[in-house]
């Protein structure tokens, strides 16, 4: 009996060690990539660092008139790339294009496209960029809930738009550009996801599910085209001070853990070509690491609790606005 217990304990111990080993191995690989990215200029001085020489002269960025997309456009332009800006608001596109040209002396092109229209928007982009050699595609466009809501509170149109924009756009654009990049033997696709991919997220249920799709999609895509010399990067930011998070005043104050879009994009762009998977920002990497250690059921509970508090922030803000409006 004692021998049986010892064998059983040994098997459990061995199984536990194997699980811990693979968990640590996955995180260690990310740490090694990050370390290499930081130290490469010192130990690999001849490694190609110019994004223009590595991928080409043009980058296309979706959702490029606000937040991460706009800031990322500035970072790539700073590195000498010409920028194709894609969004649904032509006035904002014109304004950002002028900023890039004046500040960084690069060429720009604007494309007005509404990704809620599905394949129609993709066809517009295909027609507009026929003569352009796009070396970098940044799939940044995304749609979130206006504020944390239960599923029945979200309109059918908004739900459909979230799926079309967050899933459809990244899939169809990647399909088109990866084919072109494969022919040339070079190119980079950056798919911007979210920390909400880590677990089911109550009160942002559909949004988080679309981000889990992007994580899975990008990982598989990298495997498919690794032999063709393409860079397929997965970015997974945590909270950033952008308009998308304006439902809570706590997320509209920049800090070490909630950077503004400019700060975030500066770090995120520097990981391109160096890290396949990244949160894009050092404090987000710390958060992601420790969250990944917690069981999924606990992450789901914490996420739901946090979103309930953000929901209260939103309603409190709306009530305050109504009172101020009445007093005027």
C-alpha atoms as a PDB file:
ATOM      1  CA  UNK A   1       0.000   0.000   0.000  1.00  0.00           C
ATOM      2  CA  UNK A   2       2.842   2.339   0.926  1.00  0.00           C
ATOM      3  CA  UNK A   3       4.582   1.541  -2.355  1.00  0.00           C
ATOM      4  CA  UNK A   4       1.412   2.341  -4.338  1.00  0.00           C
ATOM      5  CA  UNK A   5       1.072   5.708  -2.565  1.00  0.00           C
ATOM      6  CA  UNK A   6       4.714   6.506  -3.284  1.00  0.00           C
ATOM      7  CA  UNK A   7       4.311   5.714  -6.993  1.00  0.00           C
ATOM      8  CA  UNK A   8       1.090   7.770  -7.134  1.00  0.00           C
ATOM      9  CA  UNK A   9       2.805  10.716  -5.430  1.00  0.00           C
ATOM     10  CA  UNK A  10       5.775  10.452  -7.786  1.00  0.00           C
ATOM     11  CA  UNK A  11       3.486  10.518 -10.827  1.00  0.00           C
ATOM     12  CA  UNK A  12       1.655  13.594  -9.525  1.00  0.00           C
ATOM     13  CA  UNK A  13       4.946  15.303  -8.717  1.00  0.00           C
ATOM     14  CA  UNK A  14       6.320  14.521 -12.184  1.00  0.00           C
ATOM     15  CA  UNK A  15       3.141  15.789 -13.859  1.00  0.00           C
ATOM     16  CA  UNK A  16       3.283  18.994 -11.821  1.00  0.00           C
ATOM     17  CA  UNK A  17       6.911  19.552 -12.761  1.00  0.00           C
ATOM     18  CA  UNK A  18       6.108  19.080 -16.449  1.00  0.00           C
ATOM     19  CA  UNK A  19       3.252  21.612 -16.288  1.00  0.00           C
ATOM     20  CA  UNK A  20       5.435  24.152 -14.470  1.00  0.00           C
ATOM     21  CA  UNK A  21       8.286  23.558 -16.935  1.00  0.00           C
ATOM     22  CA  UNK A  22       6.175  24.318 -20.011  1.00  0.00           C
ATOM     23  CA  UNK A  23       4.544  27.317 -18.319  1.00  0.00           C
ATOM     24  CA  UNK A  24       7.938  28.789 -17.458  1.00  0.00           C
ATOM     25  CA  UNK A  25       9.315  27.891 -20.895  1.00  0.00           C
ATOM     26  CA  UNK A  26       6.630  29.932 -22.646  1.00  0.00           C
ATOM     27  CA  UNK A  27       7.258  32.960 -20.453  1.00  0.00           C
ATOM     28  CA  UNK A  28      11.031  32.535 -20.653  1.00  0.00           C
ATOM     29  CA  UNK A  29      10.896  32.645 -24.456  1.00  0.00           C
ATOM     30  CA  UNK A  30       9.106  35.992 -24.305  1.00  0.00           C
ATOM     31  CA  UNK A  31      11.682  37.267 -21.814  1.00  0.00           C
ATOM     32  CA  UNK A  32      14.545  36.130 -24.040  1.00  0.00           C
ATOM     33  CA  UNK A  33      13.019  37.892 -27.059  1.00  0.00           C
ATOM     34  CA  UNK A  34      12.607  41.086 -25.050  1.00  0.00           C
ATOM     35  CA  UNK A  35      16.202  40.866 -23.782  1.00  0.00           C
ATOM     36  CA  UNK A  36      17.475  40.299 -27.311  1.00  0.00           C
ATOM     37  CA  UNK A  37      15.514  43.300 -28.593  1.00  0.00           C
ATOM     38  CA  UNK A  38      17.088  45.528 -25.945  1.00  0.00           C
ATOM     39  CA  UNK A  39      20.661  44.242 -26.234  1.00  0.00           C
ATOM     40  CA  UNK A  40      20.804  43.664 -30.028  1.00  0.00           C
ATOM     41  CA  UNK A  41      22.263  47.122 -30.829  1.00  0.00           C
ATOM     42  CA  UNK A  42      25.221  46.359 -28.529  1.00  0.00           C
ATOM     43  CA  UNK A  43      25.940  42.727 -29.483  1.00  0.00           C
ATOM     44  CA  UNK A  44      24.614  42.617 -33.067  1.00  0.00           C
ATOM     45  CA  UNK A  45      25.672  45.996 -34.475  1.00  0.00           C
ATOM     46  CA  UNK A  46      25.393  44.834 -38.105  1.00  0.00           C
ATOM     47  CA  UNK A  47      21.822  43.539 -37.790  1.00  0.00           C
ATOM     48  CA  UNK A  48      19.400  45.396 -40.078  1.00  0.00           C
ATOM     49  CA  UNK A  49      17.318  47.770 -37.979  1.00  0.00           C
ATOM     50  CA  UNK A  50      15.857  49.999 -40.694  1.00  0.00           C
ATOM     51  CA  UNK A  51      12.205  49.099 -41.197  1.00  0.00           C
ATOM     52  CA  UNK A  52      12.354  50.658 -44.668  1.00  0.00           C
ATOM     53  CA  UNK A  53      15.226  48.406 -45.770  1.00  0.00           C
ATOM     54  CA  UNK A  54      13.730  45.379 -44.049  1.00  0.00           C
ATOM     55  CA  UNK A  55      10.121  45.626 -45.220  1.00  0.00           C
ATOM     56  CA  UNK A  56       9.658  48.391 -47.798  1.00  0.00           C
ATOM     57  CA  UNK A  57       8.810  52.069 -48.078  1.00  0.00           C
ATOM     58  CA  UNK A  58       5.062  52.049 -47.348  1.00  0.00           C
ATOM     59  CA  UNK A  59       3.001  51.059 -44.314  1.00  0.00           C
ATOM     60  CA  UNK A  60      -0.779  50.815 -44.140  1.00  0.00           C
ATOM     61  CA  UNK A  61      -2.481  51.454 -40.809  1.00  0.00           C
ATOM     62  CA  UNK A  62      -6.183  50.972 -40.091  1.00  0.00           C
ATOM     63  CA  UNK A  63      -7.980  52.981 -37.438  1.00  0.00           C
ATOM     64  CA  UNK A  64      -5.301  55.621 -37.855  1.00  0.00           C
ATOM     65  CA  UNK A  65      -7.038  58.875 -36.894  1.00  0.00           C
ATOM     66  CA  UNK A  66      -7.057  58.411 -33.114  1.00  0.00           C
ATOM     67  CA  UNK A  67      -5.376  56.576 -30.285  1.00  0.00           C
ATOM     68  CA  UNK A  68      -2.846  53.822 -30.952  1.00  0.00           C
ATOM     69  CA  UNK A  69      -3.304  53.920 -34.722  1.00  0.00           C
ATOM     70  CA  UNK A  70      -2.480  57.604 -35.046  1.00  0.00           C
ATOM     71  CA  UNK A  71       0.451  57.389 -32.629  1.00  0.00           C
ATOM     72  CA  UNK A  72       1.800  54.298 -34.394  1.00  0.00           C
ATOM     73  CA  UNK A  73       1.581  56.134 -37.731  1.00  0.00           C
ATOM     74  CA  UNK A  74       3.789  58.886 -36.299  1.00  0.00           C
ATOM     75  CA  UNK A  75       6.305  56.330 -35.025  1.00  0.00           C
ATOM     76  CA  UNK A  76       6.605  54.598 -38.415  1.00  0.00           C
ATOM     77  CA  UNK A  77       6.802  57.942 -40.221  1.00  0.00           C
ATOM     78  CA  UNK A  78       9.557  58.963 -37.814  1.00  0.00           C
ATOM     79  CA  UNK A  79      11.425  55.876 -39.038  1.00  0.00           C
ATOM     80  CA  UNK A  80      11.100  57.042 -42.658  1.00  0.00           C
ATOM     81  CA  UNK A  81       8.091  55.060 -43.863  1.00  0.00           C
ATOM     82  CA  UNK A  82       5.420  56.579 -46.071  1.00  0.00           C
ATOM     83  CA  UNK A  83       1.977  56.004 -44.596  1.00  0.00           C
ATOM     84  CA  UNK A  84      -1.383  54.901 -45.977  1.00  0.00           C
ATOM     85  CA  UNK A  85      -3.993  56.022 -43.467  1.00  0.00           C
ATOM     86  CA  UNK A  86      -7.308  54.166 -43.356  1.00  0.00           C
ATOM     87  CA  UNK A  87     -10.359  55.270 -41.393  1.00  0.00           C
ATOM     88  CA  UNK A  88     -13.985  56.210 -41.976  1.00  0.00           C
ATOM     89  CA  UNK A  89     -13.658  59.952 -41.240  1.00  0.00           C
ATOM     90  CA  UNK A  90     -12.140  61.834 -44.178  1.00  0.00           C
ATOM     91  CA  UNK A  91     -11.663  65.110 -42.300  1.00  0.00           C
ATOM     92  CA  UNK A  92      -9.655  63.403 -39.581  1.00  0.00           C
ATOM     93  CA  UNK A  93      -7.660  61.501 -42.190  1.00  0.00           C
ATOM     94  CA  UNK A  94      -6.718  64.747 -43.940  1.00  0.00           C
ATOM     95  CA  UNK A  95      -5.629  66.289 -40.656  1.00  0.00           C
ATOM     96  CA  UNK A  96      -3.421  63.346 -39.634  1.00  0.00           C
ATOM     97  CA  UNK A  97      -1.922  63.150 -43.138  1.00  0.00           C
ATOM     98  CA  UNK A  98      -0.931  66.820 -42.970  1.00  0.00           C
ATOM     99  CA  UNK A  99       0.621  66.305 -39.528  1.00  0.00           C
ATOM    100  CA  UNK A 100       2.730  63.385 -40.772  1.00  0.00           C
ATOM    101  CA  UNK A 101       3.912  65.167 -43.899  1.00  0.00           C
ATOM    102  CA  UNK A 102       4.849  68.362 -42.079  1.00  0.00           C
ATOM    103  CA  UNK A 103       6.477  66.725 -39.059  1.00  0.00           C
ATOM    104  CA  UNK A 104       8.274  63.806 -40.687  1.00  0.00           C
ATOM    105  CA  UNK A 105       8.606  64.809 -44.381  1.00  0.00           C
ATOM    106  CA  UNK A 106       7.029  61.575 -45.630  1.00  0.00           C
ATOM    107  CA  UNK A 107       4.410  60.814 -48.257  1.00  0.00           C
ATOM    108  CA  UNK A 108       0.882  59.864 -47.250  1.00  0.00           C
ATOM    109  CA  UNK A 109      -2.259  58.522 -48.812  1.00  0.00           C
ATOM    110  CA  UNK A 110      -5.693  58.476 -47.225  1.00  0.00           C
ATOM    111  CA  UNK A 111      -8.425  55.887 -47.769  1.00  0.00           C
ATOM    112  CA  UNK A 112     -11.924  56.336 -46.419  1.00  0.00           C
ATOM    113  CA  UNK A 113     -13.367  52.951 -45.486  1.00  0.00           C
ATOM    114  CA  UNK A 114     -16.005  51.798 -43.014  1.00  0.00           C
ATOM    115  CA  UNK A 115     -15.098  48.290 -41.862  1.00  0.00           C
ATOM    116  CA  UNK A 116     -18.599  47.638 -40.563  1.00  0.00           C
ATOM    117  CA  UNK A 117     -19.461  47.158 -44.249  1.00  0.00           C
ATOM    118  CA  UNK A 118     -17.348  43.995 -44.362  1.00  0.00           C
ATOM    119  CA  UNK A 119     -15.833  42.926 -47.731  1.00  0.00           C
ATOM    120  CA  UNK A 120     -16.973  46.184 -49.404  1.00  0.00           C
ATOM    121  CA  UNK A 121     -14.502  48.135 -47.279  1.00  0.00           C
ATOM    122  CA  UNK A 122     -11.716  45.670 -48.079  1.00  0.00           C
ATOM    123  CA  UNK A 123     -12.395  46.020 -51.811  1.00  0.00           C
ATOM    124  CA  UNK A 124     -12.138  49.806 -51.512  1.00  0.00           C
ATOM    125  CA  UNK A 125      -8.678  49.425 -49.970  1.00  0.00           C
ATOM    126  CA  UNK A 126      -7.556  46.912 -52.601  1.00  0.00           C
ATOM    127  CA  UNK A 127      -8.552  49.303 -55.394  1.00  0.00           C
ATOM    128  CA  UNK A 128      -6.827  52.272 -53.785  1.00  0.00           C
ATOM    129  CA  UNK A 129      -3.446  50.644 -53.111  1.00  0.00           C
ATOM    130  CA  UNK A 130      -2.841  48.786 -56.364  1.00  0.00           C
ATOM    131  CA  UNK A 131       0.267  50.817 -57.242  1.00  0.00           C
ATOM    132  CA  UNK A 132       1.665  50.917 -53.698  1.00  0.00           C
ATOM    133  CA  UNK A 133       4.262  48.496 -52.371  1.00  0.00           C
ATOM    134  CA  UNK A 134       2.937  47.936 -48.849  1.00  0.00           C
ATOM    135  CA  UNK A 135       5.658  46.471 -46.650  1.00  0.00           C
ATOM    136  CA  UNK A 136       3.938  46.789 -43.271  1.00  0.00           C
ATOM    137  CA  UNK A 137       0.257  46.259 -42.457  1.00  0.00           C
ATOM    138  CA  UNK A 138      -0.953  47.360 -39.034  1.00  0.00           C
ATOM    139  CA  UNK A 139      -4.385  45.916 -38.269  1.00  0.00           C
ATOM    140  CA  UNK A 140      -5.308  48.343 -35.533  1.00  0.00           C
ATOM    141  CA  UNK A 141      -8.941  49.224 -36.242  1.00  0.00           C
ATOM    142  CA  UNK A 142     -11.314  48.040 -33.536  1.00  0.00           C
ATOM    143  CA  UNK A 143     -14.676  48.666 -31.930  1.00  0.00           C
ATOM    144  CA  UNK A 144     -15.605  48.241 -28.286  1.00  0.00           C
ATOM    145  CA  UNK A 145     -18.755  48.676 -26.221  1.00  0.00           C
ATOM    146  CA  UNK A 146     -19.541  52.296 -25.364  1.00  0.00           C
ATOM    147  CA  UNK A 147     -19.304  51.197 -21.733  1.00  0.00           C
ATOM    148  CA  UNK A 148     -19.449  47.834 -19.905  1.00  0.00           C
ATOM    149  CA  UNK A 149     -22.850  46.290 -20.683  1.00  0.00           C
ATOM    150  CA  UNK A 150     -24.751  43.052 -20.317  1.00  0.00           C
ATOM    151  CA  UNK A 151     -25.253  41.304 -23.648  1.00  0.00           C
ATOM    152  CA  UNK A 152     -28.976  42.112 -23.913  1.00  0.00           C
ATOM    153  CA  UNK A 153     -28.213  45.825 -23.507  1.00  0.00           C
ATOM    154  CA  UNK A 154     -25.995  45.968 -26.598  1.00  0.00           C
ATOM    155  CA  UNK A 155     -27.825  46.623 -29.855  1.00  0.00           C
ATOM    156  CA  UNK A 156     -27.736  43.973 -32.565  1.00  0.00           C
ATOM    157  CA  UNK A 157     -26.087  46.474 -34.912  1.00  0.00           C
ATOM    158  CA  UNK A 158     -23.288  47.205 -32.452  1.00  0.00           C
ATOM    159  CA  UNK A 159     -22.694  43.499 -31.874  1.00  0.00           C
ATOM    160  CA  UNK A 160     -22.534  42.841 -35.599  1.00  0.00           C
ATOM    161  CA  UNK A 161     -20.229  45.818 -36.133  1.00  0.00           C
ATOM    162  CA  UNK A 162     -17.863  44.635 -33.377  1.00  0.00           C
ATOM    163  CA  UNK A 163     -17.568  41.238 -35.066  1.00  0.00           C
ATOM    164  CA  UNK A 164     -17.231  42.691 -38.588  1.00  0.00           C
ATOM    165  CA  UNK A 165     -14.632  45.245 -37.559  1.00  0.00           C
ATOM    166  CA  UNK A 166     -12.590  43.314 -34.996  1.00  0.00           C
ATOM    167  CA  UNK A 167     -12.642  39.910 -36.712  1.00  0.00           C
ATOM    168  CA  UNK A 168     -13.556  40.498 -40.350  1.00  0.00           C
ATOM    169  CA  UNK A 169     -11.159  43.356 -41.100  1.00  0.00           C
ATOM    170  CA  UNK A 170      -8.051  41.716 -39.643  1.00  0.00           C
ATOM    171  CA  UNK A 171      -8.842  38.439 -41.391  1.00  0.00           C
ATOM    172  CA  UNK A 172      -9.546  39.759 -44.877  1.00  0.00           C
ATOM    173  CA  UNK A 173      -6.785  42.356 -44.889  1.00  0.00           C
ATOM    174  CA  UNK A 174      -4.254  39.800 -43.669  1.00  0.00           C
ATOM    175  CA  UNK A 175      -5.376  37.397 -46.393  1.00  0.00           C
ATOM    176  CA  UNK A 176      -4.842  39.997 -49.099  1.00  0.00           C
ATOM    177  CA  UNK A 177      -1.514  41.390 -47.932  1.00  0.00           C
ATOM    178  CA  UNK A 178       0.084  38.140 -46.836  1.00  0.00           C
ATOM    179  CA  UNK A 179      -0.324  36.837 -50.389  1.00  0.00           C
ATOM    180  CA  UNK A 180       1.413  39.898 -51.819  1.00  0.00           C
ATOM    181  CA  UNK A 181       4.153  39.804 -49.183  1.00  0.00           C
ATOM    182  CA  UNK A 182       4.790  36.116 -49.812  1.00  0.00           C
ATOM    183  CA  UNK A 183       5.490  36.840 -53.483  1.00  0.00           C
ATOM    184  CA  UNK A 184       8.078  39.453 -52.501  1.00  0.00           C
ATOM    185  CA  UNK A 185       9.587  37.374 -49.704  1.00  0.00           C
ATOM    186  CA  UNK A 186       9.334  40.204 -47.193  1.00  0.00           C
ATOM    187  CA  UNK A 187       6.764  42.099 -45.174  1.00  0.00           C
ATOM    188  CA  UNK A 188       5.272  42.540 -41.720  1.00  0.00           C
ATOM    189  CA  UNK A 189       1.740  42.250 -40.373  1.00  0.00           C
ATOM    190  CA  UNK A 190       1.022  43.687 -36.931  1.00  0.00           C
ATOM    191  CA  UNK A 191      -2.276  42.587 -35.406  1.00  0.00           C
ATOM    192  CA  UNK A 192      -3.320  44.705 -32.432  1.00  0.00           C
ATOM    193  CA  UNK A 193      -5.288  42.679 -29.914  1.00  0.00           C
ATOM    194  CA  UNK A 194      -5.961  43.458 -26.237  1.00  0.00           C
ATOM    195  CA  UNK A 195      -5.267  42.113 -22.772  1.00  0.00           C
ATOM    196  CA  UNK A 196      -8.934  41.097 -22.728  1.00  0.00           C
ATOM    197  CA  UNK A 197      -7.847  38.097 -24.821  1.00  0.00           C
ATOM    198  CA  UNK A 198      -6.559  36.495 -21.623  1.00  0.00           C
ATOM    199  CA  UNK A 199      -9.977  35.390 -20.400  1.00  0.00           C
ATOM    200  CA  UNK A 200     -13.707  35.615 -21.025  1.00  0.00           C
ATOM    201  CA  UNK A 201     -14.620  39.156 -19.969  1.00  0.00           C
ATOM    202  CA  UNK A 202     -18.100  39.724 -18.521  1.00  0.00           C
ATOM    203  CA  UNK A 203     -19.799  42.984 -19.555  1.00  0.00           C
ATOM    204  CA  UNK A 204     -17.535  43.150 -22.611  1.00  0.00           C
ATOM    205  CA  UNK A 205     -18.275  39.601 -23.676  1.00  0.00           C
ATOM    206  CA  UNK A 206     -18.217  39.924 -27.453  1.00  0.00           C
ATOM    207  CA  UNK A 207     -15.318  42.382 -27.563  1.00  0.00           C
ATOM    208  CA  UNK A 208     -13.084  40.061 -25.525  1.00  0.00           C
ATOM    209  CA  UNK A 209     -14.110  37.089 -27.662  1.00  0.00           C
ATOM    210  CA  UNK A 210     -13.019  38.913 -30.830  1.00  0.00           C
ATOM    211  CA  UNK A 211      -9.631  39.642 -29.260  1.00  0.00           C
ATOM    212  CA  UNK A 212      -9.186  35.983 -28.345  1.00  0.00           C
ATOM    213  CA  UNK A 213      -9.804  35.289 -32.043  1.00  0.00           C
ATOM    214  CA  UNK A 214      -7.043  37.722 -33.045  1.00  0.00           C
ATOM    215  CA  UNK A 215      -4.574  36.009 -30.714  1.00  0.00           C
ATOM    216  CA  UNK A 216      -5.367  32.564 -32.127  1.00  0.00           C
ATOM    217  CA  UNK A 217      -5.474  33.815 -35.715  1.00  0.00           C
ATOM    218  CA  UNK A 218      -2.130  35.611 -35.502  1.00  0.00           C
ATOM    219  CA  UNK A 219      -0.314  32.691 -33.895  1.00  0.00           C
ATOM    220  CA  UNK A 220      -1.507  30.282 -36.589  1.00  0.00           C
ATOM    221  CA  UNK A 221      -0.777  32.780 -39.369  1.00  0.00           C
ATOM    222  CA  UNK A 222       2.808  33.137 -38.158  1.00  0.00           C
ATOM    223  CA  UNK A 223       3.279  29.379 -38.393  1.00  0.00           C
ATOM    224  CA  UNK A 224       1.868  29.264 -41.918  1.00  0.00           C
ATOM    225  CA  UNK A 225       4.145  31.977 -43.320  1.00  0.00           C
ATOM    226  CA  UNK A 226       7.290  31.753 -41.191  1.00  0.00           C
ATOM    227  CA  UNK A 227       9.086  29.889 -43.996  1.00  0.00           C
ATOM    228  CA  UNK A 228       8.364  32.801 -46.367  1.00  0.00           C
ATOM    229  CA  UNK A 229      10.369  35.277 -44.327  1.00  0.00           C
ATOM    230  CA  UNK A 230       7.369  37.294 -43.120  1.00  0.00           C
ATOM    231  CA  UNK A 231       7.026  38.955 -39.724  1.00  0.00           C
ATOM    232  CA  UNK A 232       3.618  38.305 -38.138  1.00  0.00           C
ATOM    233  CA  UNK A 233       3.452  40.172 -34.843  1.00  0.00           C
ATOM    234  CA  UNK A 234       0.823  39.978 -32.131  1.00  0.00           C
ATOM    235  CA  UNK A 235       0.447  43.078 -29.940  1.00  0.00           C
ATOM    236  CA  UNK A 236      -1.602  42.767 -26.778  1.00  0.00           C
ATOM    237  CA  UNK A 237      -1.853  46.084 -24.908  1.00  0.00           C
ATOM    238  CA  UNK A 238      -3.500  46.452 -21.525  1.00  0.00           C
ATOM    239  CA  UNK A 239      -5.284  49.689 -20.546  1.00  0.00           C
ATOM    240  CA  UNK A 240      -4.241  52.793 -22.507  1.00  0.00           C
ATOM    241  CA  UNK A 241      -5.485  56.349 -22.084  1.00  0.00           C
ATOM    242  CA  UNK A 242      -7.509  56.603 -25.319  1.00  0.00           C
ATOM    243  CA  UNK A 243     -11.034  57.527 -26.385  1.00  0.00           C
ATOM    244  CA  UNK A 244     -11.970  53.839 -26.460  1.00  0.00           C
ATOM    245  CA  UNK A 245     -11.647  53.767 -22.662  1.00  0.00           C
ATOM    246  CA  UNK A 246     -13.378  57.047 -21.928  1.00  0.00           C
ATOM    247  CA  UNK A 247     -16.221  55.267 -20.084  1.00  0.00           C
ATOM    248  CA  UNK A 248     -14.144  55.580 -16.893  1.00  0.00           C
ATOM    249  CA  UNK A 249     -12.336  58.669 -15.642  1.00  0.00           C
ATOM    250  CA  UNK A 250      -9.744  56.363 -14.063  1.00  0.00           C
ATOM    251  CA  UNK A 251      -8.580  55.305 -17.529  1.00  0.00           C
ATOM    252  CA  UNK A 252      -8.334  58.887 -18.771  1.00  0.00           C
ATOM    253  CA  UNK A 253      -5.376  59.732 -16.557  1.00  0.00           C
ATOM    254  CA  UNK A 254      -1.987  58.678 -17.892  1.00  0.00           C
ATOM    255  CA  UNK A 255       0.265  56.780 -15.514  1.00  0.00           C
ATOM    256  CA  UNK A 256       3.003  54.160 -15.430  1.00  0.00           C
ATOM    257  CA  UNK A 257       0.481  51.373 -15.904  1.00  0.00           C
ATOM    258  CA  UNK A 258      -1.956  53.317 -18.126  1.00  0.00           C
ATOM    259  CA  UNK A 259       0.240  55.141 -20.674  1.00  0.00           C
ATOM    260  CA  UNK A 260      -1.075  57.513 -23.299  1.00  0.00           C
ATOM    261  CA  UNK A 261      -1.138  56.364 -26.911  1.00  0.00           C
ATOM    262  CA  UNK A 262       2.050  58.245 -27.867  1.00  0.00           C
ATOM    263  CA  UNK A 263       4.081  56.644 -25.097  1.00  0.00           C
ATOM    264  CA  UNK A 264       2.674  53.216 -25.877  1.00  0.00           C
ATOM    265  CA  UNK A 265       3.303  53.429 -29.642  1.00  0.00           C
ATOM    266  CA  UNK A 266       6.902  54.545 -29.114  1.00  0.00           C
ATOM    267  CA  UNK A 267       7.696  51.296 -27.313  1.00  0.00           C
ATOM    268  CA  UNK A 268       5.429  49.085 -29.413  1.00  0.00           C
ATOM    269  CA  UNK A 269       6.941  50.197 -32.725  1.00  0.00           C
ATOM    270  CA  UNK A 270      10.437  49.481 -31.409  1.00  0.00           C
ATOM    271  CA  UNK A 271       9.517  45.789 -30.963  1.00  0.00           C
ATOM    272  CA  UNK A 272       8.592  45.303 -34.635  1.00  0.00           C
ATOM    273  CA  UNK A 273      10.880  42.764 -36.255  1.00  0.00           C
ATOM    274  CA  UNK A 274      12.333  41.838 -32.858  1.00  0.00           C
ATOM    275  CA  UNK A 275       9.452  40.232 -30.959  1.00  0.00           C
ATOM    276  CA  UNK A 276       6.729  38.023 -32.428  1.00  0.00           C
ATOM    277  CA  UNK A 277       4.493  38.444 -29.380  1.00  0.00           C
ATOM    278  CA  UNK A 278       4.483  41.506 -27.154  1.00  0.00           C
ATOM    279  CA  UNK A 279       2.238  43.654 -25.032  1.00  0.00           C
ATOM    280  CA  UNK A 280       4.124  46.554 -26.601  1.00  0.00           C
ATOM    281  CA  UNK A 281       4.891  48.289 -23.301  1.00  0.00           C
ATOM    282  CA  UNK A 282       7.048  47.183 -20.389  1.00  0.00           C
ATOM    283  CA  UNK A 283       4.538  47.633 -17.554  1.00  0.00           C
ATOM    284  CA  UNK A 284       1.883  45.906 -19.630  1.00  0.00           C
ATOM    285  CA  UNK A 285       4.272  42.983 -19.976  1.00  0.00           C
ATOM    286  CA  UNK A 286       4.528  42.743 -16.179  1.00  0.00           C
ATOM    287  CA  UNK A 287       0.738  42.848 -15.829  1.00  0.00           C
ATOM    288  CA  UNK A 288       0.239  40.240 -18.553  1.00  0.00           C
ATOM    289  CA  UNK A 289       2.787  37.878 -16.978  1.00  0.00           C
ATOM    290  CA  UNK A 290       1.202  37.885 -13.532  1.00  0.00           C
ATOM    291  CA  UNK A 291      -2.358  37.737 -14.878  1.00  0.00           C
ATOM    292  CA  UNK A 292      -1.397  34.693 -16.928  1.00  0.00           C
ATOM    293  CA  UNK A 293      -0.404  32.900 -13.715  1.00  0.00           C
ATOM    294  CA  UNK A 294      -3.915  33.196 -12.281  1.00  0.00           C
ATOM    295  CA  UNK A 295      -6.520  30.524 -13.154  1.00  0.00           C
ATOM    296  CA  UNK A 296      -8.935  31.519 -15.947  1.00  0.00           C
ATOM    297  CA  UNK A 297     -11.986  31.350 -13.670  1.00  0.00           C
ATOM    298  CA  UNK A 298     -10.357  33.831 -11.292  1.00  0.00           C
ATOM    299  CA  UNK A 299      -9.326  36.180 -14.132  1.00  0.00           C
ATOM    300  CA  UNK A 300     -12.907  36.081 -15.403  1.00  0.00           C
ATOM    301  CA  UNK A 301     -14.248  36.977 -11.968  1.00  0.00           C
ATOM    302  CA  UNK A 302     -11.723  39.809 -11.521  1.00  0.00           C
ATOM    303  CA  UNK A 303     -12.459  41.143 -15.011  1.00  0.00           C
ATOM    304  CA  UNK A 304     -16.203  41.093 -14.379  1.00  0.00           C
ATOM    305  CA  UNK A 305     -15.788  42.856 -11.038  1.00  0.00           C
ATOM    306  CA  UNK A 306     -13.558  45.505 -12.601  1.00  0.00           C
ATOM    307  CA  UNK A 307     -16.030  46.116 -15.425  1.00  0.00           C
ATOM    308  CA  UNK A 308     -18.859  46.513 -12.920  1.00  0.00           C
ATOM    309  CA  UNK A 309     -16.865  49.307 -11.276  1.00  0.00           C
ATOM    310  CA  UNK A 310     -16.183  50.927 -14.687  1.00  0.00           C
ATOM    311  CA  UNK A 311     -19.905  50.674 -15.421  1.00  0.00           C
ATOM    312  CA  UNK A 312     -20.622  52.581 -12.215  1.00  0.00           C
ATOM    313  CA  UNK A 313     -18.056  55.220 -13.244  1.00  0.00           C
ATOM    314  CA  UNK A 314     -19.905  55.665 -16.538  1.00  0.00           C
ATOM    315  CA  UNK A 315     -23.348  56.051 -14.949  1.00  0.00           C
ATOM    316  CA  UNK A 316     -21.974  58.465 -12.341  1.00  0.00           C
ATOM    317  CA  UNK A 317     -20.431  60.561 -15.126  1.00  0.00           C
ATOM    318  CA  UNK A 318     -23.702  60.572 -17.094  1.00  0.00           C
ATOM    319  CA  UNK A 319     -25.669  61.625 -14.007  1.00  0.00           C
ATOM    320  CA  UNK A 320     -23.221  64.451 -13.346  1.00  0.00           C
ATOM    321  CA  UNK A 321     -23.533  65.662 -16.937  1.00  0.00           C
ATOM    322  CA  UNK A 322     -27.325  65.665 -16.698  1.00  0.00           C
ATOM    323  CA  UNK A 323     -27.213  67.709 -13.493  1.00  0.00           C
ATOM    324  CA  UNK A 324     -24.790  70.227 -15.036  1.00  0.00           C
ATOM    325  CA  UNK A 325     -26.994  70.509 -18.118  1.00  0.00           C
ATOM    326  CA  UNK A 326     -30.028  71.317 -15.971  1.00  0.00           C
ATOM    327  CA  UNK A 327     -28.115  73.956 -14.020  1.00  0.00           C
ATOM    328  CA  UNK A 328     -27.131  75.834 -17.210  1.00  0.00           C
END
